[in-house]
């Protein structure tokens, strides 16, 4: 019989990540803490007890980048236990800017725009999330 996290008294955490694409560029943050310290990643973080996934990504995006966004579309759920050493499940959203300019905040050392064709190796499976976002955009054009 297979033992689950619930059997052990623990559950996997859920986080939300946002993909902001503008003029062929994607906004990334450099992580301030472990895991993936000093690596580039999508803005995002853990969902809080009393918020929706959509509220989480909007809040986290602003806390980490200073940019207010709104959710445009669900990219998908990324749940491979190997994606992150904390075994966090990510709900990823395509977001669009409502206001603000990029500046590092909370968990971010730096905020930077990268050409979608030249994105470095990112934390966790964030490269995969960006590829999925680009597929969604190309299908909608």
N, C-alpha and C. Protein backbone atom coordinates (compact mmCIF):
# COMPACT_ATOMS: atom_id res chain seq x y z
N UNK A 1 0.84 -1.18 0.00
CA UNK A 1 0.00 0.00 0.00
C UNK A 1 0.89 1.25 0.00
N UNK A 2 0.53 2.21 -0.80
CA UNK A 2 1.29 3.44 -0.96
C UNK A 2 0.98 4.42 0.18
N UNK A 3 2.03 5.02 0.75
CA UNK A 3 1.87 6.02 1.79
C UNK A 3 1.80 7.39 1.14
N UNK A 4 0.83 8.18 1.54
CA UNK A 4 0.67 9.52 0.98
C UNK A 4 1.10 10.57 2.00
N UNK A 5 1.26 11.80 1.52
CA UNK A 5 1.59 12.92 2.41
C UNK A 5 0.51 13.08 3.48
N UNK A 6 -0.75 12.89 3.09
CA UNK A 6 -1.84 13.02 4.05
C UNK A 6 -1.73 11.95 5.15
N UNK A 7 -1.30 10.74 4.79
CA UNK A 7 -1.10 9.67 5.78
C UNK A 7 -0.02 10.06 6.78
N UNK A 8 0.97 10.80 6.33
CA UNK A 8 2.08 11.21 7.20
C UNK A 8 1.75 12.50 7.96
N UNK A 9 0.55 13.04 7.76
CA UNK A 9 0.15 14.25 8.47
C UNK A 9 0.64 15.53 7.81
N UNK A 10 1.08 15.46 6.57
CA UNK A 10 1.52 16.66 5.87
C UNK A 10 0.87 16.71 4.49
N UNK A 11 0.76 17.91 3.99
CA UNK A 11 0.20 18.11 2.66
C UNK A 11 1.17 18.94 1.86
N UNK A 12 1.13 18.78 0.56
CA UNK A 12 1.98 19.60 -0.30
C UNK A 12 1.43 21.02 -0.36
N UNK A 13 2.34 21.98 -0.36
CA UNK A 13 1.95 23.38 -0.46
C UNK A 13 1.64 23.75 -1.90
N UNK A 14 0.87 24.83 -2.05
CA UNK A 14 0.52 25.34 -3.38
C UNK A 14 1.03 26.77 -3.49
N UNK A 15 1.64 27.07 -4.61
CA UNK A 15 2.11 28.42 -4.91
C UNK A 15 1.51 28.85 -6.24
N UNK A 16 1.58 30.14 -6.51
CA UNK A 16 1.12 30.67 -7.78
C UNK A 16 2.26 31.47 -8.40
N UNK A 17 2.47 31.29 -9.70
CA UNK A 17 3.51 31.99 -10.44
C UNK A 17 2.87 32.77 -11.57
N UNK A 18 3.44 33.94 -11.88
CA UNK A 18 2.91 34.78 -12.95
C UNK A 18 3.89 34.98 -14.08
N UNK A 19 3.38 34.93 -15.29
CA UNK A 19 4.19 35.18 -16.49
C UNK A 19 3.69 36.48 -17.10
N UNK A 20 4.56 37.50 -17.09
CA UNK A 20 4.25 38.78 -17.71
C UNK A 20 5.12 38.90 -18.96
N UNK A 21 4.47 38.92 -20.12
CA UNK A 21 5.16 39.02 -21.40
C UNK A 21 4.78 40.34 -22.05
N UNK A 22 5.80 41.11 -22.45
CA UNK A 22 5.58 42.37 -23.15
C UNK A 22 6.65 42.53 -24.21
N UNK A 23 6.21 42.79 -25.44
CA UNK A 23 7.12 43.06 -26.55
C UNK A 23 8.24 42.04 -26.68
N UNK A 24 7.86 40.76 -26.59
CA UNK A 24 8.83 39.68 -26.77
C UNK A 24 9.76 39.46 -25.58
N UNK A 25 9.42 40.05 -24.45
CA UNK A 25 10.25 39.90 -23.25
C UNK A 25 9.40 39.37 -22.10
N UNK A 26 10.07 38.68 -21.16
CA UNK A 26 9.41 38.16 -19.98
C UNK A 26 10.10 38.75 -18.75
N UNK A 27 9.31 39.09 -17.74
CA UNK A 27 9.84 39.68 -16.51
C UNK A 27 10.20 38.56 -15.53
N UNK A 28 11.45 38.60 -15.04
CA UNK A 28 11.92 37.60 -14.08
C UNK A 28 12.49 38.29 -12.85
N UNK A 29 12.55 37.53 -11.77
CA UNK A 29 13.20 38.01 -10.55
C UNK A 29 14.40 37.12 -10.25
N UNK A 30 15.39 37.68 -9.57
CA UNK A 30 16.49 36.86 -9.05
C UNK A 30 16.13 36.58 -7.59
N UNK A 31 16.05 35.29 -7.26
CA UNK A 31 15.61 34.87 -5.92
C UNK A 31 16.61 35.27 -4.84
N UNK A 32 16.07 35.75 -3.72
CA UNK A 32 16.88 36.22 -2.61
C UNK A 32 17.21 35.10 -1.62
N UNK A 33 16.40 34.03 -1.63
CA UNK A 33 16.60 32.98 -0.62
C UNK A 33 16.51 31.58 -1.22
N UNK A 34 16.93 30.62 -0.43
CA UNK A 34 16.88 29.21 -0.83
C UNK A 34 15.43 28.73 -0.81
N UNK A 35 15.10 27.71 -1.56
CA UNK A 35 15.97 27.10 -2.57
C UNK A 35 16.08 28.00 -3.80
N UNK A 36 17.02 27.71 -4.61
CA UNK A 36 17.26 28.44 -5.86
C UNK A 36 17.77 29.86 -5.62
N UNK A 37 18.46 30.08 -4.49
CA UNK A 37 19.00 31.39 -4.17
C UNK A 37 19.89 31.89 -5.31
N UNK A 38 19.73 33.15 -5.70
CA UNK A 38 20.47 33.83 -6.76
C UNK A 38 20.13 33.33 -8.17
N UNK A 39 19.12 32.48 -8.32
CA UNK A 39 18.70 32.04 -9.65
C UNK A 39 17.52 32.88 -10.10
N UNK A 40 17.39 33.01 -11.42
CA UNK A 40 16.26 33.72 -12.00
C UNK A 40 15.03 32.83 -11.93
N UNK A 41 13.87 33.46 -11.73
CA UNK A 41 12.62 32.73 -11.58
C UNK A 41 11.46 33.65 -11.97
N UNK A 42 10.31 33.04 -12.13
CA UNK A 42 9.08 33.81 -12.31
C UNK A 42 8.65 34.39 -10.96
N UNK A 43 8.04 35.56 -10.95
CA UNK A 43 7.50 36.08 -9.70
C UNK A 43 6.36 35.18 -9.21
N UNK A 44 6.33 34.95 -7.93
CA UNK A 44 5.27 34.13 -7.37
C UNK A 44 5.57 33.70 -5.96
N UNK A 45 4.65 32.97 -5.36
CA UNK A 45 4.85 32.50 -4.01
C UNK A 45 3.66 31.72 -3.50
N UNK A 46 3.77 31.33 -2.25
CA UNK A 46 2.77 30.46 -1.63
C UNK A 46 1.44 31.16 -1.43
N UNK A 47 0.40 30.38 -1.67
CA UNK A 47 -0.96 30.87 -1.48
C UNK A 47 -1.26 30.93 0.01
N UNK A 48 -1.92 31.99 0.42
CA UNK A 48 -2.26 32.15 1.83
C UNK A 48 -3.64 31.57 2.12
N UNK A 49 -3.89 31.32 3.37
CA UNK A 49 -5.09 30.62 3.84
C UNK A 49 -6.40 31.18 3.28
N UNK A 50 -6.54 32.49 3.25
CA UNK A 50 -7.82 33.11 2.90
C UNK A 50 -7.83 33.79 1.54
N UNK A 51 -6.98 33.35 0.61
CA UNK A 51 -6.98 34.00 -0.70
C UNK A 51 -7.15 32.98 -1.82
N UNK A 52 -7.64 33.47 -2.94
CA UNK A 52 -7.76 32.62 -4.12
C UNK A 52 -6.40 32.54 -4.81
N UNK A 53 -6.28 31.62 -5.74
CA UNK A 53 -5.04 31.52 -6.52
C UNK A 53 -4.80 32.81 -7.29
N UNK A 54 -5.86 33.37 -7.84
CA UNK A 54 -5.74 34.61 -8.61
C UNK A 54 -5.28 35.77 -7.72
N UNK A 55 -5.84 35.86 -6.51
CA UNK A 55 -5.41 36.90 -5.58
C UNK A 55 -3.94 36.70 -5.19
N UNK A 56 -3.55 35.46 -5.01
CA UNK A 56 -2.17 35.14 -4.64
C UNK A 56 -1.19 35.63 -5.70
N UNK A 57 -1.42 35.32 -6.96
CA UNK A 57 -0.45 35.70 -7.99
C UNK A 57 -0.39 37.22 -8.13
N UNK A 58 -1.51 37.90 -8.00
CA UNK A 58 -1.52 39.37 -8.07
C UNK A 58 -0.72 39.95 -6.89
N UNK A 59 -0.95 39.44 -5.69
CA UNK A 59 -0.25 39.92 -4.50
C UNK A 59 1.25 39.65 -4.59
N UNK A 60 1.60 38.41 -4.89
CA UNK A 60 3.02 38.03 -4.96
C UNK A 60 3.75 38.81 -6.05
N UNK A 61 3.12 38.98 -7.18
CA UNK A 61 3.75 39.71 -8.28
C UNK A 61 4.08 41.14 -7.84
N UNK A 62 3.13 41.78 -7.17
CA UNK A 62 3.36 43.15 -6.71
C UNK A 62 4.44 43.20 -5.63
N UNK A 63 4.37 42.27 -4.66
CA UNK A 63 5.36 42.26 -3.58
C UNK A 63 6.78 42.08 -4.11
N UNK A 64 6.94 41.26 -5.14
CA UNK A 64 8.28 40.95 -5.64
C UNK A 64 8.78 41.90 -6.72
N UNK A 65 7.86 42.56 -7.44
CA UNK A 65 8.30 43.39 -8.58
C UNK A 65 7.83 44.84 -8.53
N UNK A 66 6.85 45.16 -7.70
CA UNK A 66 6.29 46.50 -7.68
C UNK A 66 5.33 46.77 -8.83
N UNK A 67 5.01 45.75 -9.60
CA UNK A 67 4.11 45.90 -10.74
C UNK A 67 2.74 45.32 -10.39
N UNK A 68 1.70 46.12 -10.61
CA UNK A 68 0.34 45.65 -10.42
C UNK A 68 -0.09 44.93 -11.70
N UNK A 69 -0.62 43.72 -11.52
CA UNK A 69 -1.06 42.93 -12.67
C UNK A 69 -2.48 42.44 -12.44
N UNK A 70 -3.06 41.98 -13.52
CA UNK A 70 -4.34 41.27 -13.43
C UNK A 70 -4.18 39.96 -14.17
N UNK A 71 -4.93 38.96 -13.74
CA UNK A 71 -4.86 37.64 -14.36
C UNK A 71 -5.55 37.68 -15.70
N UNK A 72 -4.84 37.18 -16.70
CA UNK A 72 -5.38 37.12 -18.05
C UNK A 72 -5.88 35.70 -18.36
N UNK A 73 -5.07 34.69 -18.01
CA UNK A 73 -5.43 33.32 -18.36
C UNK A 73 -4.64 32.32 -17.51
N UNK A 74 -5.24 31.19 -17.23
CA UNK A 74 -4.56 30.10 -16.55
C UNK A 74 -3.61 29.42 -17.55
N UNK A 75 -2.36 29.26 -17.16
CA UNK A 75 -1.40 28.53 -18.00
C UNK A 75 -1.52 27.04 -17.69
N UNK A 76 -1.53 26.71 -16.41
CA UNK A 76 -1.67 25.32 -16.03
C UNK A 76 -1.23 25.07 -14.60
N UNK A 77 -1.33 23.80 -14.20
CA UNK A 77 -0.92 23.35 -12.88
C UNK A 77 0.31 22.49 -13.08
N UNK A 78 1.36 22.77 -12.31
CA UNK A 78 2.63 22.08 -12.44
C UNK A 78 2.90 21.38 -11.11
N UNK A 79 2.79 20.04 -11.12
CA UNK A 79 2.76 19.30 -9.86
C UNK A 79 3.78 18.18 -9.74
N UNK A 80 4.73 18.09 -10.66
CA UNK A 80 5.76 17.06 -10.55
C UNK A 80 6.49 17.23 -9.22
N UNK A 81 6.50 16.22 -8.35
CA UNK A 81 7.16 16.36 -7.06
C UNK A 81 8.66 16.72 -7.17
N UNK A 82 9.25 16.45 -8.32
CA UNK A 82 10.67 16.75 -8.52
C UNK A 82 10.91 18.18 -9.00
N UNK A 83 9.86 18.95 -9.24
CA UNK A 83 10.01 20.30 -9.79
C UNK A 83 10.66 21.25 -8.79
N UNK A 84 10.52 20.97 -7.50
CA UNK A 84 10.99 21.86 -6.45
C UNK A 84 11.32 20.99 -5.24
N UNK A 85 12.44 21.23 -4.56
CA UNK A 85 12.79 20.39 -3.41
C UNK A 85 11.76 20.43 -2.29
N UNK A 86 10.94 21.48 -2.25
CA UNK A 86 9.88 21.58 -1.24
C UNK A 86 8.61 20.87 -1.69
N UNK A 87 8.62 20.32 -2.90
CA UNK A 87 7.50 19.59 -3.50
C UNK A 87 6.25 20.46 -3.66
N UNK A 88 6.48 21.75 -3.88
CA UNK A 88 5.38 22.70 -4.04
C UNK A 88 4.70 22.52 -5.40
N UNK A 89 3.39 22.59 -5.40
CA UNK A 89 2.59 22.57 -6.62
C UNK A 89 2.41 24.02 -7.06
N UNK A 90 2.61 24.29 -8.34
CA UNK A 90 2.45 25.65 -8.85
C UNK A 90 1.23 25.76 -9.76
N UNK A 91 0.46 26.80 -9.53
CA UNK A 91 -0.61 27.18 -10.44
C UNK A 91 -0.08 28.42 -11.16
N UNK A 92 0.11 28.31 -12.46
CA UNK A 92 0.74 29.41 -13.21
C UNK A 92 -0.29 30.15 -14.05
N UNK A 93 -0.15 31.48 -14.05
CA UNK A 93 -1.07 32.35 -14.77
C UNK A 93 -0.31 33.26 -15.72
N UNK A 94 -0.93 33.53 -16.84
CA UNK A 94 -0.50 34.60 -17.73
C UNK A 94 -1.13 35.86 -17.16
N UNK A 95 -0.30 36.88 -16.93
CA UNK A 95 -0.81 38.13 -16.35
C UNK A 95 -0.51 39.29 -17.28
N UNK A 96 -1.23 40.39 -17.08
CA UNK A 96 -0.91 41.61 -17.84
C UNK A 96 -0.79 42.77 -16.87
N UNK A 97 0.07 43.71 -17.25
CA UNK A 97 0.38 44.85 -16.39
C UNK A 97 -0.80 45.81 -16.30
N UNK A 98 -1.06 46.26 -15.07
CA UNK A 98 -2.04 47.32 -14.84
C UNK A 98 -1.35 48.62 -14.45
N UNK A 99 -0.13 48.52 -13.94
CA UNK A 99 0.60 49.72 -13.56
C UNK A 99 1.86 49.39 -12.80
N UNK A 100 2.72 50.39 -12.70
CA UNK A 100 3.96 50.23 -11.95
C UNK A 100 5.14 49.88 -12.83
N UNK A 101 6.31 50.14 -12.26
CA UNK A 101 7.56 49.81 -12.93
C UNK A 101 8.28 48.76 -12.09
N UNK A 102 9.08 47.95 -12.72
CA UNK A 102 9.78 46.88 -12.00
C UNK A 102 10.81 47.39 -11.02
N UNK A 103 10.74 46.85 -9.80
CA UNK A 103 11.74 47.10 -8.77
C UNK A 103 11.75 45.89 -7.84
N UNK A 104 12.91 45.50 -7.39
CA UNK A 104 13.03 44.33 -6.53
C UNK A 104 12.38 44.59 -5.17
N UNK A 105 11.63 43.62 -4.70
CA UNK A 105 10.99 43.71 -3.40
C UNK A 105 10.89 42.34 -2.76
N UNK A 106 10.48 42.25 -1.55
CA UNK A 106 10.33 41.05 -0.71
C UNK A 106 11.36 39.97 -1.02
N UNK A 107 11.01 38.94 -1.78
CA UNK A 107 11.90 37.79 -2.01
C UNK A 107 12.83 37.96 -3.21
N UNK A 108 12.87 39.13 -3.79
CA UNK A 108 13.66 39.34 -5.01
C UNK A 108 14.89 40.21 -4.76
N UNK A 109 16.03 39.78 -5.30
CA UNK A 109 17.26 40.60 -5.27
C UNK A 109 17.26 41.60 -6.41
N UNK A 110 16.66 41.17 -7.52
CA UNK A 110 16.72 41.96 -8.75
C UNK A 110 15.52 41.60 -9.61
N UNK A 111 15.09 42.54 -10.45
CA UNK A 111 14.02 42.33 -11.41
C UNK A 111 14.58 42.71 -12.78
N UNK A 112 14.34 41.87 -13.77
CA UNK A 112 14.93 42.14 -15.09
C UNK A 112 14.05 41.52 -16.19
N UNK A 113 14.00 42.24 -17.32
CA UNK A 113 13.31 41.73 -18.51
C UNK A 113 14.30 40.91 -19.33
N UNK A 114 13.85 39.76 -19.82
CA UNK A 114 14.65 38.89 -20.68
C UNK A 114 13.92 38.65 -21.98
N UNK A 115 14.65 38.67 -23.08
CA UNK A 115 14.10 38.28 -24.37
C UNK A 115 13.63 36.83 -24.25
N UNK A 116 12.41 36.54 -24.70
CA UNK A 116 11.88 35.17 -24.56
C UNK A 116 12.74 34.13 -25.30
N UNK A 117 13.51 34.58 -26.26
CA UNK A 117 14.40 33.66 -26.99
C UNK A 117 15.73 33.44 -26.25
N UNK A 118 15.98 34.22 -25.21
CA UNK A 118 17.26 34.14 -24.49
C UNK A 118 17.08 34.00 -22.98
N UNK A 119 16.07 33.29 -22.56
CA UNK A 119 15.82 33.11 -21.14
C UNK A 119 16.85 32.13 -20.59
N UNK A 120 17.52 32.49 -19.49
CA UNK A 120 18.49 31.56 -18.90
C UNK A 120 17.79 30.36 -18.27
N UNK A 121 18.57 29.43 -17.76
CA UNK A 121 18.00 28.30 -17.02
C UNK A 121 17.42 28.87 -15.74
N UNK A 122 16.14 28.60 -15.52
CA UNK A 122 15.42 29.18 -14.39
C UNK A 122 15.24 28.19 -13.25
N UNK A 123 14.84 28.71 -12.10
CA UNK A 123 14.52 27.90 -10.93
C UNK A 123 13.36 26.96 -11.26
N UNK A 124 13.37 25.82 -10.55
CA UNK A 124 12.30 24.82 -10.68
C UNK A 124 12.03 24.50 -12.15
N UNK A 125 10.76 24.53 -12.54
CA UNK A 125 10.38 24.24 -13.93
C UNK A 125 9.84 25.49 -14.62
N UNK A 126 10.36 26.64 -14.24
CA UNK A 126 9.84 27.90 -14.78
C UNK A 126 10.09 28.07 -16.27
N UNK A 127 11.14 27.45 -16.83
CA UNK A 127 11.32 27.48 -18.28
C UNK A 127 10.14 26.79 -18.97
N UNK A 128 9.71 25.68 -18.41
CA UNK A 128 8.57 24.93 -18.95
C UNK A 128 7.30 25.78 -18.88
N UNK A 129 7.11 26.49 -17.78
CA UNK A 129 5.92 27.34 -17.62
C UNK A 129 5.91 28.43 -18.69
N UNK A 130 7.06 29.05 -18.94
CA UNK A 130 7.13 30.09 -19.98
C UNK A 130 6.83 29.50 -21.35
N UNK A 131 7.34 28.32 -21.65
CA UNK A 131 7.06 27.67 -22.94
C UNK A 131 5.56 27.43 -23.11
N UNK A 132 4.90 27.01 -22.04
CA UNK A 132 3.46 26.78 -22.10
C UNK A 132 2.72 28.10 -22.31
N UNK A 133 3.17 29.17 -21.67
CA UNK A 133 2.55 30.49 -21.86
C UNK A 133 2.69 30.94 -23.30
N UNK A 134 3.86 30.74 -23.89
CA UNK A 134 4.08 31.14 -25.28
C UNK A 134 3.19 30.33 -26.24
N UNK A 135 2.95 29.06 -25.94
CA UNK A 135 2.04 28.24 -26.75
C UNK A 135 0.63 28.82 -26.71
N UNK A 136 0.19 29.20 -25.52
CA UNK A 136 -1.15 29.77 -25.35
C UNK A 136 -1.28 31.05 -26.16
N UNK A 137 -0.28 31.90 -26.09
CA UNK A 137 -0.32 33.16 -26.83
C UNK A 137 -0.34 32.92 -28.33
N UNK A 138 0.48 31.99 -28.81
CA UNK A 138 0.53 31.74 -30.26
C UNK A 138 -0.78 31.15 -30.78
N UNK A 139 -1.48 30.36 -29.94
CA UNK A 139 -2.77 29.80 -30.35
C UNK A 139 -3.86 30.88 -30.40
N UNK A 140 -3.71 31.93 -29.58
CA UNK A 140 -4.76 32.95 -29.52
C UNK A 140 -4.57 34.05 -30.57
N UNK A 141 -3.46 34.02 -31.30
CA UNK A 141 -3.22 35.08 -32.31
C UNK A 141 -3.76 34.68 -33.66
